[in-house]
Amino acid sequence: MASGVFDIVHLGHLHYLQEAKKLGDELVVVVATDATVRKMKHEPITPGKMRVELVAALKPVDRAVLGHEDDIYKTVEEIRPDIIALGYDQRFDEKELEMQMRKRGLQGIRIVRLSKMDYDLNGTRKIIQRVIDWHTLESKSNKPQE
């Protein structure tokens, strides 16, 4: 199991999912709900159901599901993965995850933190900033001279 926002799908997402897929024979990806994205990161650009459809279409992904807003562990209980793959930049604490899963009777789930891979546009906010910078530069260069 892997999880994420996947708001603007980019190479960093693809490589994260490819690495997660290598850990097992089936990859289920949990896509964060719009409310979760708002709470944890930013206003989502792409609605949750669309993000699920995009992620499901990626080659490494066997199934994509929309997560639960109120309790991230509900999805873990439903999927019952053998392994949870965490991206290098995800804010989850592995020990806290293990403790919470033990409390819910979710034993034997291995948590694997994947290593960082360097790519130019490896984050949604970096992509957004690059577009803003480009737009600002274009606006200045197309401004009529006085």
C-alpha atoms as a PDB file:
ATOM      1  CA  MET A   1       0.000   0.000   0.000  1.00  0.00           C
ATOM      2  CA  ALA A   2       1.166   3.498  -0.846  1.00  0.00           C
ATOM      3  CA  SER A   3      -0.558   6.808  -0.241  1.00  0.00           C
ATOM      4  CA  GLY A   4      -0.389  10.418  -1.270  1.00  0.00           C
ATOM      5  CA  VAL A   5      -2.143  13.488  -2.582  1.00  0.00           C
ATOM      6  CA  PHE A   6      -1.220  13.137  -6.293  1.00  0.00           C
ATOM      7  CA  ASP A   7      -2.608  16.577  -7.069  1.00  0.00           C
ATOM      8  CA  ILE A   8      -0.477  17.232 -10.144  1.00  0.00           C
ATOM      9  CA  VAL A   9       0.948  13.838 -11.074  1.00  0.00           C
ATOM     10  CA  HIS A  10       4.665  14.090 -11.882  1.00  0.00           C
ATOM     11  CA  LEU A  11       7.754  11.889 -12.237  1.00  0.00           C
ATOM     12  CA  GLY A  12       8.378  11.894  -8.495  1.00  0.00           C
ATOM     13  CA  HIS A  13       4.960  10.259  -8.006  1.00  0.00           C
ATOM     14  CA  LEU A  14       5.574   7.729 -10.761  1.00  0.00           C
ATOM     15  CA  HIS A  15       8.962   6.712  -9.383  1.00  0.00           C
ATOM     16  CA  TYR A  16       7.562   6.487  -5.830  1.00  0.00           C
ATOM     17  CA  LEU A  17       4.831   4.131  -7.062  1.00  0.00           C
ATOM     18  CA  GLN A  18       7.283   2.085  -9.152  1.00  0.00           C
ATOM     19  CA  GLU A  19       9.476   1.582  -6.077  1.00  0.00           C
ATOM     20  CA  ALA A  20       6.455   0.737  -3.916  1.00  0.00           C
ATOM     21  CA  LYS A  21       5.290  -1.843  -6.475  1.00  0.00           C
ATOM     22  CA  LYS A  22       8.672  -3.615  -6.254  1.00  0.00           C
ATOM     23  CA  LEU A  23       7.950  -4.377  -2.581  1.00  0.00           C
ATOM     24  CA  GLY A  24       5.049  -6.720  -3.316  1.00  0.00           C
ATOM     25  CA  ASP A  25       2.903  -8.381  -5.958  1.00  0.00           C
ATOM     26  CA  GLU A  26      -0.032  -5.941  -5.809  1.00  0.00           C
ATOM     27  CA  LEU A  27      -0.032  -2.183  -5.241  1.00  0.00           C
ATOM     28  CA  VAL A  28      -3.050  -0.444  -3.757  1.00  0.00           C
ATOM     29  CA  VAL A  29      -2.741   3.332  -3.627  1.00  0.00           C
ATOM     30  CA  VAL A  30      -4.712   5.476  -1.206  1.00  0.00           C
ATOM     31  CA  VAL A  31      -5.400   8.967  -2.544  1.00  0.00           C
ATOM     32  CA  ALA A  32      -6.033  11.679   0.047  1.00  0.00           C
ATOM     33  CA  THR A  33      -9.480  13.255   0.137  1.00  0.00           C
ATOM     34  CA  ASP A  34      -9.926  16.919  -0.728  1.00  0.00           C
ATOM     35  CA  ALA A  35     -10.562  17.756   2.945  1.00  0.00           C
ATOM     36  CA  THR A  36      -7.364  15.968   3.988  1.00  0.00           C
ATOM     37  CA  VAL A  37      -5.366  17.818   1.336  1.00  0.00           C
ATOM     38  CA  ARG A  38      -6.769  21.142   2.546  1.00  0.00           C
ATOM     39  CA  LYS A  39      -5.915  20.277   6.152  1.00  0.00           C
ATOM     40  CA  MET A  40      -2.405  18.933   5.491  1.00  0.00           C
ATOM     41  CA  LYS A  41      -1.056  20.771   2.448  1.00  0.00           C
ATOM     42  CA  HIS A  42      -3.022  23.170   0.253  1.00  0.00           C
ATOM     43  CA  GLU A  43      -6.240  23.740  -1.664  1.00  0.00           C
ATOM     44  CA  PRO A  44      -6.412  20.799  -4.097  1.00  0.00           C
ATOM     45  CA  ILE A  45      -6.185  21.692  -7.771  1.00  0.00           C
ATOM     46  CA  THR A  46      -7.714  18.440  -8.965  1.00  0.00           C
ATOM     47  CA  PRO A  47     -10.779  16.923  -7.205  1.00  0.00           C
ATOM     48  CA  GLY A  48     -10.224  13.673  -5.300  1.00  0.00           C
ATOM     49  CA  LYS A  49     -12.266  11.430  -7.604  1.00  0.00           C
ATOM     50  CA  MET A  50     -10.268  12.657 -10.599  1.00  0.00           C
ATOM     51  CA  ARG A  51      -6.982  12.064  -8.753  1.00  0.00           C
ATOM     52  CA  VAL A  52      -8.083   8.497  -7.964  1.00  0.00           C
ATOM     53  CA  GLU A  53      -8.861   7.875 -11.644  1.00  0.00           C
ATOM     54  CA  LEU A  54      -5.494   9.298 -12.750  1.00  0.00           C
ATOM     55  CA  VAL A  55      -3.544   7.267 -10.195  1.00  0.00           C
ATOM     56  CA  ALA A  56      -5.469   4.084 -11.064  1.00  0.00           C
ATOM     57  CA  ALA A  57      -4.377   4.512 -14.694  1.00  0.00           C
ATOM     58  CA  LEU A  58      -0.666   4.480 -13.824  1.00  0.00           C
ATOM     59  CA  LYS A  59       1.114   1.271 -14.818  1.00  0.00           C
ATOM     60  CA  PRO A  60       2.470   0.275 -11.370  1.00  0.00           C
ATOM     61  CA  VAL A  61      -0.940   0.685  -9.702  1.00  0.00           C
ATOM     62  CA  ASP A  62      -3.269  -2.312  -9.384  1.00  0.00           C
ATOM     63  CA  ARG A  63      -6.000  -0.388  -7.563  1.00  0.00           C
ATOM     64  CA  ALA A  64      -6.527   3.160  -6.310  1.00  0.00           C
ATOM     65  CA  VAL A  65      -8.984   4.168  -3.594  1.00  0.00           C
ATOM     66  CA  LEU A  66     -10.008   7.409  -1.956  1.00  0.00           C
ATOM     67  CA  GLY A  67      -8.955   7.531   1.690  1.00  0.00           C
ATOM     68  CA  HIS A  68     -11.098   8.334   4.705  1.00  0.00           C
ATOM     69  CA  GLU A  69     -11.162  11.917   5.964  1.00  0.00           C
ATOM     70  CA  ASP A  70     -11.699  11.199   9.619  1.00  0.00           C
ATOM     71  CA  ASP A  71      -9.376   8.242  10.221  1.00  0.00           C
ATOM     72  CA  ILE A  72      -6.446   7.158   8.048  1.00  0.00           C
ATOM     73  CA  TYR A  73      -6.329   3.774   9.770  1.00  0.00           C
ATOM     74  CA  LYS A  74      -9.801   2.803   8.461  1.00  0.00           C
ATOM     75  CA  THR A  75      -8.289   2.412   5.009  1.00  0.00           C
ATOM     76  CA  VAL A  76      -5.477   0.270   6.404  1.00  0.00           C
ATOM     77  CA  GLU A  77      -8.094  -1.889   8.155  1.00  0.00           C
ATOM     78  CA  GLU A  78     -10.002  -2.308   4.871  1.00  0.00           C
ATOM     79  CA  ILE A  79      -6.975  -3.068   2.686  1.00  0.00           C
ATOM     80  CA  ARG A  80      -4.938  -5.047   5.248  1.00  0.00           C
ATOM     81  CA  PRO A  81      -1.641  -4.605   3.378  1.00  0.00           C
ATOM     82  CA  ASP A  82       1.478  -6.610   4.091  1.00  0.00           C
ATOM     83  CA  ILE A  83       3.615  -3.520   3.503  1.00  0.00           C
ATOM     84  CA  ILE A  84       3.033   0.224   3.704  1.00  0.00           C
ATOM     85  CA  ALA A  85       5.442   2.174   1.496  1.00  0.00           C
ATOM     86  CA  LEU A  86       6.118   5.720   2.673  1.00  0.00           C
ATOM     87  CA  GLY A  87       7.629   8.353   0.438  1.00  0.00           C
ATOM     88  CA  TYR A  88      10.821  10.006   1.635  1.00  0.00           C
ATOM     89  CA  ASP A  89       8.956  13.302   2.183  1.00  0.00           C
ATOM     90  CA  GLN A  90       5.801  12.004   3.842  1.00  0.00           C
ATOM     91  CA  ARG A  91       5.373  13.312   7.389  1.00  0.00           C
ATOM     92  CA  PHE A  92       4.391  10.006   8.948  1.00  0.00           C
ATOM     93  CA  ASP A  93       6.381   8.748  11.920  1.00  0.00           C
ATOM     94  CA  GLU A  94       6.987   5.030  11.438  1.00  0.00           C
ATOM     95  CA  LYS A  95       6.966   4.255  15.189  1.00  0.00           C
ATOM     96  CA  GLU A  96       3.677   6.130  15.675  1.00  0.00           C
ATOM     97  CA  LEU A  97       2.114   4.270  12.728  1.00  0.00           C
ATOM     98  CA  GLU A  98       3.251   0.926  14.136  1.00  0.00           C
ATOM     99  CA  MET A  99       1.851   1.771  17.589  1.00  0.00           C
ATOM    100  CA  GLN A 100      -1.526   2.907  16.214  1.00  0.00           C
ATOM    101  CA  MET A 101      -1.814  -0.211  14.056  1.00  0.00           C
ATOM    102  CA  ARG A 102      -0.983  -2.476  16.993  1.00  0.00           C
ATOM    103  CA  LYS A 103      -3.765  -0.787  19.009  1.00  0.00           C
ATOM    104  CA  ARG A 104      -6.204  -1.708  16.217  1.00  0.00           C
ATOM    105  CA  GLY A 105      -5.029  -5.283  15.888  1.00  0.00           C
ATOM    106  CA  LEU A 106      -3.219  -4.625  12.629  1.00  0.00           C
ATOM    107  CA  GLN A 107      -0.155  -6.750  13.305  1.00  0.00           C
ATOM    108  CA  GLY A 108       2.588  -7.834  10.950  1.00  0.00           C
ATOM    109  CA  ILE A 109       2.380  -4.879   8.573  1.00  0.00           C
ATOM    110  CA  ARG A 110       5.857  -3.816   7.534  1.00  0.00           C
ATOM    111  CA  ILE A 111       6.491  -0.095   7.046  1.00  0.00           C
ATOM    112  CA  VAL A 112       9.140   0.819   4.489  1.00  0.00           C
ATOM    113  CA  ARG A 113      10.434   4.360   4.011  1.00  0.00           C
ATOM    114  CA  LEU A 114      11.527   4.782   0.392  1.00  0.00           C
ATOM    115  CA  SER A 115      14.627   6.803  -0.375  1.00  0.00           C
ATOM    116  CA  LYS A 116      14.732  10.195  -2.050  1.00  0.00           C
ATOM    117  CA  MET A 117      15.185  10.395  -5.794  1.00  0.00           C
ATOM    118  CA  ASP A 118      16.212  13.680  -7.349  1.00  0.00           C
ATOM    119  CA  TYR A 119      14.098  15.031 -10.188  1.00  0.00           C
ATOM    120  CA  ASP A 120      13.738  18.610 -11.331  1.00  0.00           C
ATOM    121  CA  LEU A 121       9.971  18.853 -10.844  1.00  0.00           C
ATOM    122  CA  ASN A 122       9.590  16.519  -7.881  1.00  0.00           C
ATOM    123  CA  GLY A 123       6.821  18.286  -6.030  1.00  0.00           C
ATOM    124  CA  THR A 124       3.435  19.743  -6.790  1.00  0.00           C
ATOM    125  CA  ARG A 125       4.233  23.017  -5.041  1.00  0.00           C
ATOM    126  CA  LYS A 126       7.497  23.298  -7.007  1.00  0.00           C
ATOM    127  CA  ILE A 127       5.568  22.806 -10.246  1.00  0.00           C
ATOM    128  CA  ILE A 128       3.002  25.421  -9.218  1.00  0.00           C
ATOM    129  CA  GLN A 129       5.779  27.873  -8.325  1.00  0.00           C
ATOM    130  CA  ARG A 130       7.513  27.262 -11.657  1.00  0.00           C
ATOM    131  CA  VAL A 131       4.250  27.993 -13.513  1.00  0.00           C
ATOM    132  CA  ILE A 132       3.729  31.177 -11.466  1.00  0.00           C
ATOM    133  CA  ASP A 133       7.315  32.293 -12.150  1.00  0.00           C
ATOM    134  CA  TRP A 134       6.923  31.587 -15.865  1.00  0.00           C
ATOM    135  CA  HIS A 135       3.595  33.421 -15.998  1.00  0.00           C
ATOM    136  CA  THR A 136       5.041  36.413 -14.148  1.00  0.00           C
ATOM    137  CA  LEU A 137       8.021  36.561 -16.518  1.00  0.00           C
ATOM    138  CA  GLU A 138       5.741  36.246 -19.561  1.00  0.00           C
ATOM    139  CA  SER A 139       3.468  39.002 -18.270  1.00  0.00           C
ATOM    140  CA  LYS A 140       6.417  41.354 -17.794  1.00  0.00           C
ATOM    141  CA  SER A 141       7.907  40.622 -21.230  1.00  0.00           C
ATOM    142  CA  ASN A 142       4.544  41.108 -23.000  1.00  0.00           C
ATOM    143  CA  LYS A 143       3.786  44.363 -21.226  1.00  0.00           C
ATOM    144  CA  PRO A 144       3.601  47.288 -23.689  1.00  0.00           C
ATOM    145  CA  GLN A 145       6.521  49.709 -23.448  1.00  0.00           C
ATOM    146  CA  GLU A 146       5.680  53.276 -22.404  1.00  0.00           C
END
